[in-house]
Amino acid sequence: MTDDIKQKIEDYLKDHKWLNLGTVDSEGKPMVHTMAYVADGTTVYFGTSKETHKADDMMNNPNVAYTVDEDDVDVMTITGVQMQGKATLVTDPSEMEKFGMLMIEKFPFMKDMPQTPDSVVFRVDPVEGYYLDYSKGFTHRDMVTY
């Protein structure tokens, strides 16, 4: 069952483009950020400016949470993913190249985007995840750990 749920989460992440990322600042205040992302299995990657609050938050506290879901659904058939994970600044050139290839594959317009010197890439490795499937019952979700 656990492998089945992990596969459902992986497939869901592959088929969607936006996540809602929760971070916490150094004063303990939470914030949620809408982000375009790419996934390699259940590990997600996204880029941002190194000058953003979310980048600062993740550098100071790598514990994050995010959701991926549908915007316009019947409440009785909601599907989605809720994840807790650890954010890491990506510095390895081969991992940066992989991120770039995944971005262009998912968002083809990205190949024409100019690179900016203040851009950074973060990887979020999953710690705990939930796959929501309300068609199995209102509020039904299956939990997995990584």
C-alpha atoms as a PDB file:
ATOM      1  CA  MET A   1       0.000   0.000   0.000  1.00  0.00           C
ATOM      2  CA  THR A   2       2.810   2.445   0.871  1.00  0.00           C
ATOM      3  CA  ASP A   3       4.487   2.050  -2.538  1.00  0.00           C
ATOM      4  CA  ASP A   4       1.108   2.565  -4.223  1.00  0.00           C
ATOM      5  CA  ILE A   5       0.530   5.827  -2.332  1.00  0.00           C
ATOM      6  CA  LYS A   6       4.072   7.033  -3.095  1.00  0.00           C
ATOM      7  CA  GLN A   7       3.455   6.322  -6.788  1.00  0.00           C
ATOM      8  CA  LYS A   8       0.156   8.249  -6.693  1.00  0.00           C
ATOM      9  CA  ILE A   9       1.972  11.221  -5.129  1.00  0.00           C
ATOM     10  CA  GLU A  10       4.758  11.013  -7.732  1.00  0.00           C
ATOM     11  CA  ASP A  11       2.244  10.883 -10.607  1.00  0.00           C
ATOM     12  CA  TYR A  12       0.235  13.768  -9.151  1.00  0.00           C
ATOM     13  CA  LEU A  13       3.340  15.936  -8.807  1.00  0.00           C
ATOM     14  CA  LYS A  14       4.338  15.186 -12.394  1.00  0.00           C
ATOM     15  CA  ASP A  15       0.901  16.179 -13.724  1.00  0.00           C
ATOM     16  CA  HIS A  16       0.575  19.573 -11.996  1.00  0.00           C
ATOM     17  CA  LYS A  17       2.420  22.880 -12.341  1.00  0.00           C
ATOM     18  CA  TRP A  18       1.860  24.891  -9.154  1.00  0.00           C
ATOM     19  CA  LEU A  19       2.448  24.300  -5.492  1.00  0.00           C
ATOM     20  CA  ASN A  20       1.653  26.315  -2.394  1.00  0.00           C
ATOM     21  CA  LEU A  21       4.853  26.454  -0.334  1.00  0.00           C
ATOM     22  CA  GLY A  22       4.729  27.159   3.389  1.00  0.00           C
ATOM     23  CA  THR A  23       7.808  28.612   5.076  1.00  0.00           C
ATOM     24  CA  VAL A  24       8.471  30.170   8.488  1.00  0.00           C
ATOM     25  CA  ASP A  25      10.599  33.271   9.017  1.00  0.00           C
ATOM     26  CA  SER A  26      13.159  33.855  11.764  1.00  0.00           C
ATOM     27  CA  GLU A  27      10.459  35.387  14.005  1.00  0.00           C
ATOM     28  CA  GLY A  28       8.261  32.301  13.649  1.00  0.00           C
ATOM     29  CA  LYS A  29       5.743  33.901  11.275  1.00  0.00           C
ATOM     30  CA  PRO A  30       4.445  31.567   8.550  1.00  0.00           C
ATOM     31  CA  MET A  31       3.959  32.553   4.903  1.00  0.00           C
ATOM     32  CA  VAL A  32       2.621  30.682   1.873  1.00  0.00           C
ATOM     33  CA  HIS A  33       4.053  31.211  -1.611  1.00  0.00           C
ATOM     34  CA  THR A  34       2.598  30.028  -4.935  1.00  0.00           C
ATOM     35  CA  MET A  35       5.409  28.488  -6.978  1.00  0.00           C
ATOM     36  CA  ALA A  36       5.910  26.858 -10.350  1.00  0.00           C
ATOM     37  CA  TYR A  37       7.863  23.657  -9.774  1.00  0.00           C
ATOM     38  CA  VAL A  38       9.230  20.506 -11.351  1.00  0.00           C
ATOM     39  CA  ALA A  39       9.436  17.078  -9.775  1.00  0.00           C
ATOM     40  CA  ASP A  40      11.969  14.298  -9.965  1.00  0.00           C
ATOM     41  CA  GLY A  41       9.978  11.513  -8.373  1.00  0.00           C
ATOM     42  CA  THR A  42       8.729  12.987  -5.112  1.00  0.00           C
ATOM     43  CA  THR A  43      11.532  15.532  -4.836  1.00  0.00           C
ATOM     44  CA  VAL A  44      10.475  18.966  -6.060  1.00  0.00           C
ATOM     45  CA  TYR A  45      12.615  21.813  -7.383  1.00  0.00           C
ATOM     46  CA  PHE A  46      11.849  25.477  -7.915  1.00  0.00           C
ATOM     47  CA  GLY A  47      13.741  28.643  -8.628  1.00  0.00           C
ATOM     48  CA  THR A  48      13.444  32.032  -6.991  1.00  0.00           C
ATOM     49  CA  SER A  49      15.480  35.160  -6.367  1.00  0.00           C
ATOM     50  CA  LYS A  50      17.994  34.886  -3.552  1.00  0.00           C
ATOM     51  CA  GLU A  51      16.548  38.205  -2.317  1.00  0.00           C
ATOM     52  CA  THR A  52      13.061  36.796  -1.567  1.00  0.00           C
ATOM     53  CA  HIS A  53      11.591  36.159   1.855  1.00  0.00           C
ATOM     54  CA  LYS A  54      11.081  32.479   1.011  1.00  0.00           C
ATOM     55  CA  ALA A  55      14.765  32.016   0.140  1.00  0.00           C
ATOM     56  CA  ASP A  56      15.773  33.655   3.419  1.00  0.00           C
ATOM     57  CA  ASP A  57      13.206  31.574   5.320  1.00  0.00           C
ATOM     58  CA  MET A  58      14.473  28.280   3.842  1.00  0.00           C
ATOM     59  CA  MET A  59      18.107  29.169   4.462  1.00  0.00           C
ATOM     60  CA  ASN A  60      17.303  29.773   8.141  1.00  0.00           C
ATOM     61  CA  ASN A  61      14.754  26.967   8.583  1.00  0.00           C
ATOM     62  CA  PRO A  62      14.727  24.179   5.979  1.00  0.00           C
ATOM     63  CA  ASN A  63      11.466  22.675   7.293  1.00  0.00           C
ATOM     64  CA  VAL A  64       8.746  23.413   4.755  1.00  0.00           C
ATOM     65  CA  ALA A  65       5.322  22.160   3.775  1.00  0.00           C
ATOM     66  CA  TYR A  66       3.463  22.377   0.489  1.00  0.00           C
ATOM     67  CA  THR A  67       0.239  21.399  -1.200  1.00  0.00           C
ATOM     68  CA  VAL A  68      -0.581  20.613  -4.798  1.00  0.00           C
ATOM     69  CA  ASP A  69      -4.236  20.424  -5.770  1.00  0.00           C
ATOM     70  CA  GLU A  70      -6.949  21.516  -8.176  1.00  0.00           C
ATOM     71  CA  ASP A  71      -8.480  24.978  -8.116  1.00  0.00           C
ATOM     72  CA  ASP A  72     -11.946  24.094  -9.399  1.00  0.00           C
ATOM     73  CA  VAL A  73     -13.261  20.803  -8.034  1.00  0.00           C
ATOM     74  CA  ASP A  74     -16.301  19.116  -6.609  1.00  0.00           C
ATOM     75  CA  VAL A  75     -15.675  19.019  -2.863  1.00  0.00           C
ATOM     76  CA  MET A  76     -16.707  15.350  -2.781  1.00  0.00           C
ATOM     77  CA  THR A  77     -14.037  14.301  -5.309  1.00  0.00           C
ATOM     78  CA  ILE A  78     -11.017  16.350  -4.221  1.00  0.00           C
ATOM     79  CA  THR A  79      -7.615  14.863  -4.945  1.00  0.00           C
ATOM     80  CA  GLY A  80      -4.350  16.429  -3.924  1.00  0.00           C
ATOM     81  CA  VAL A  81      -1.016  16.146  -2.201  1.00  0.00           C
ATOM     82  CA  GLN A  82       0.092  17.530   1.168  1.00  0.00           C
ATOM     83  CA  MET A  83       3.807  17.252   1.884  1.00  0.00           C
ATOM     84  CA  GLN A  84       6.302  18.071   4.607  1.00  0.00           C
ATOM     85  CA  GLY A  85       9.926  18.241   3.598  1.00  0.00           C
ATOM     86  CA  LYS A  86      13.405  19.658   3.945  1.00  0.00           C
ATOM     87  CA  ALA A  87      14.528  22.440   1.606  1.00  0.00           C
ATOM     88  CA  THR A  88      18.119  22.564   0.386  1.00  0.00           C
ATOM     89  CA  LEU A  89      19.853  25.194  -1.739  1.00  0.00           C
ATOM     90  CA  VAL A  90      21.071  23.481  -4.919  1.00  0.00           C
ATOM     91  CA  THR A  91      24.719  24.222  -5.693  1.00  0.00           C
ATOM     92  CA  ASP A  92      25.873  21.112  -7.587  1.00  0.00           C
ATOM     93  CA  PRO A  93      26.270  21.957 -11.314  1.00  0.00           C
ATOM     94  CA  SER A  94      24.898  18.588 -12.497  1.00  0.00           C
ATOM     95  CA  GLU A  95      21.817  18.987 -10.298  1.00  0.00           C
ATOM     96  CA  MET A  96      21.353  22.536 -11.613  1.00  0.00           C
ATOM     97  CA  GLU A  97      21.532  21.170 -15.156  1.00  0.00           C
ATOM     98  CA  LYS A  98      18.939  18.506 -14.306  1.00  0.00           C
ATOM     99  CA  PHE A  99      16.670  21.224 -12.883  1.00  0.00           C
ATOM    100  CA  GLY A 100      17.050  23.256 -16.073  1.00  0.00           C
ATOM    101  CA  MET A 101      16.188  20.288 -18.275  1.00  0.00           C
ATOM    102  CA  LEU A 102      13.136  19.413 -16.161  1.00  0.00           C
ATOM    103  CA  MET A 103      11.943  23.042 -16.291  1.00  0.00           C
ATOM    104  CA  ILE A 104      12.254  23.258 -20.082  1.00  0.00           C
ATOM    105  CA  GLU A 105      10.465  19.920 -20.475  1.00  0.00           C
ATOM    106  CA  LYS A 106       7.552  21.052 -18.279  1.00  0.00           C
ATOM    107  CA  PHE A 107       7.585  24.749 -19.246  1.00  0.00           C
ATOM    108  CA  PRO A 108       8.985  24.976 -22.825  1.00  0.00           C
ATOM    109  CA  PHE A 109       8.974  28.803 -22.808  1.00  0.00           C
ATOM    110  CA  MET A 110      11.733  28.647 -20.166  1.00  0.00           C
ATOM    111  CA  LYS A 111      14.383  27.882 -22.799  1.00  0.00           C
ATOM    112  CA  ASP A 112      14.060  31.476 -24.018  1.00  0.00           C
ATOM    113  CA  MET A 113      14.147  33.055 -20.563  1.00  0.00           C
ATOM    114  CA  PRO A 114      17.341  34.947 -19.740  1.00  0.00           C
ATOM    115  CA  GLN A 115      19.199  33.791 -16.656  1.00  0.00           C
ATOM    116  CA  THR A 116      19.442  36.301 -13.852  1.00  0.00           C
ATOM    117  CA  PRO A 117      22.434  36.430 -11.512  1.00  0.00           C
ATOM    118  CA  ASP A 118      20.286  36.568  -8.371  1.00  0.00           C
ATOM    119  CA  SER A 119      18.398  33.326  -9.144  1.00  0.00           C
ATOM    120  CA  VAL A 120      18.756  30.320  -6.868  1.00  0.00           C
ATOM    121  CA  VAL A 121      17.270  26.847  -6.963  1.00  0.00           C
ATOM    122  CA  PHE A 122      15.899  24.896  -4.025  1.00  0.00           C
ATOM    123  CA  ARG A 123      15.214  21.189  -3.741  1.00  0.00           C
ATOM    124  CA  VAL A 124      12.607  19.876  -1.308  1.00  0.00           C
ATOM    125  CA  ASP A 125      13.086  16.271  -0.245  1.00  0.00           C
ATOM    126  CA  PRO A 126       9.937  14.699   1.199  1.00  0.00           C
ATOM    127  CA  VAL A 127       9.734  13.680   4.852  1.00  0.00           C
ATOM    128  CA  GLU A 128       6.034  12.878   5.151  1.00  0.00           C
ATOM    129  CA  GLY A 129       3.267  12.977   2.568  1.00  0.00           C
ATOM    130  CA  TYR A 130      -0.465  12.615   2.221  1.00  0.00           C
ATOM    131  CA  TYR A 131      -2.452  11.690  -0.848  1.00  0.00           C
ATOM    132  CA  LEU A 132      -5.987  13.073  -0.664  1.00  0.00           C
ATOM    133  CA  ASP A 133      -8.784  11.203  -2.435  1.00  0.00           C
ATOM    134  CA  TYR A 134     -12.232  12.299  -1.306  1.00  0.00           C
ATOM    135  CA  SER A 135     -13.891   9.896  -3.756  1.00  0.00           C
ATOM    136  CA  LYS A 136     -13.045   7.241  -1.131  1.00  0.00           C
ATOM    137  CA  GLY A 137     -14.859   9.242   1.536  1.00  0.00           C
ATOM    138  CA  PHE A 138     -15.041  12.855   2.598  1.00  0.00           C
ATOM    139  CA  THR A 139     -11.613  13.974   3.962  1.00  0.00           C
ATOM    140  CA  HIS A 140      -9.956  10.625   3.062  1.00  0.00           C
ATOM    141  CA  ARG A 141      -6.166  10.803   2.884  1.00  0.00           C
ATOM    142  CA  ASP A 142      -3.395   8.216   2.964  1.00  0.00           C
ATOM    143  CA  MET A 143      -0.110   8.981   4.744  1.00  0.00           C
ATOM    144  CA  VAL A 144       3.400   7.851   3.841  1.00  0.00           C
ATOM    145  CA  THR A 145       6.821   8.593   5.290  1.00  0.00           C
ATOM    146  CA  TYR A 146      10.072   8.859   3.360  1.00  0.00           C
END
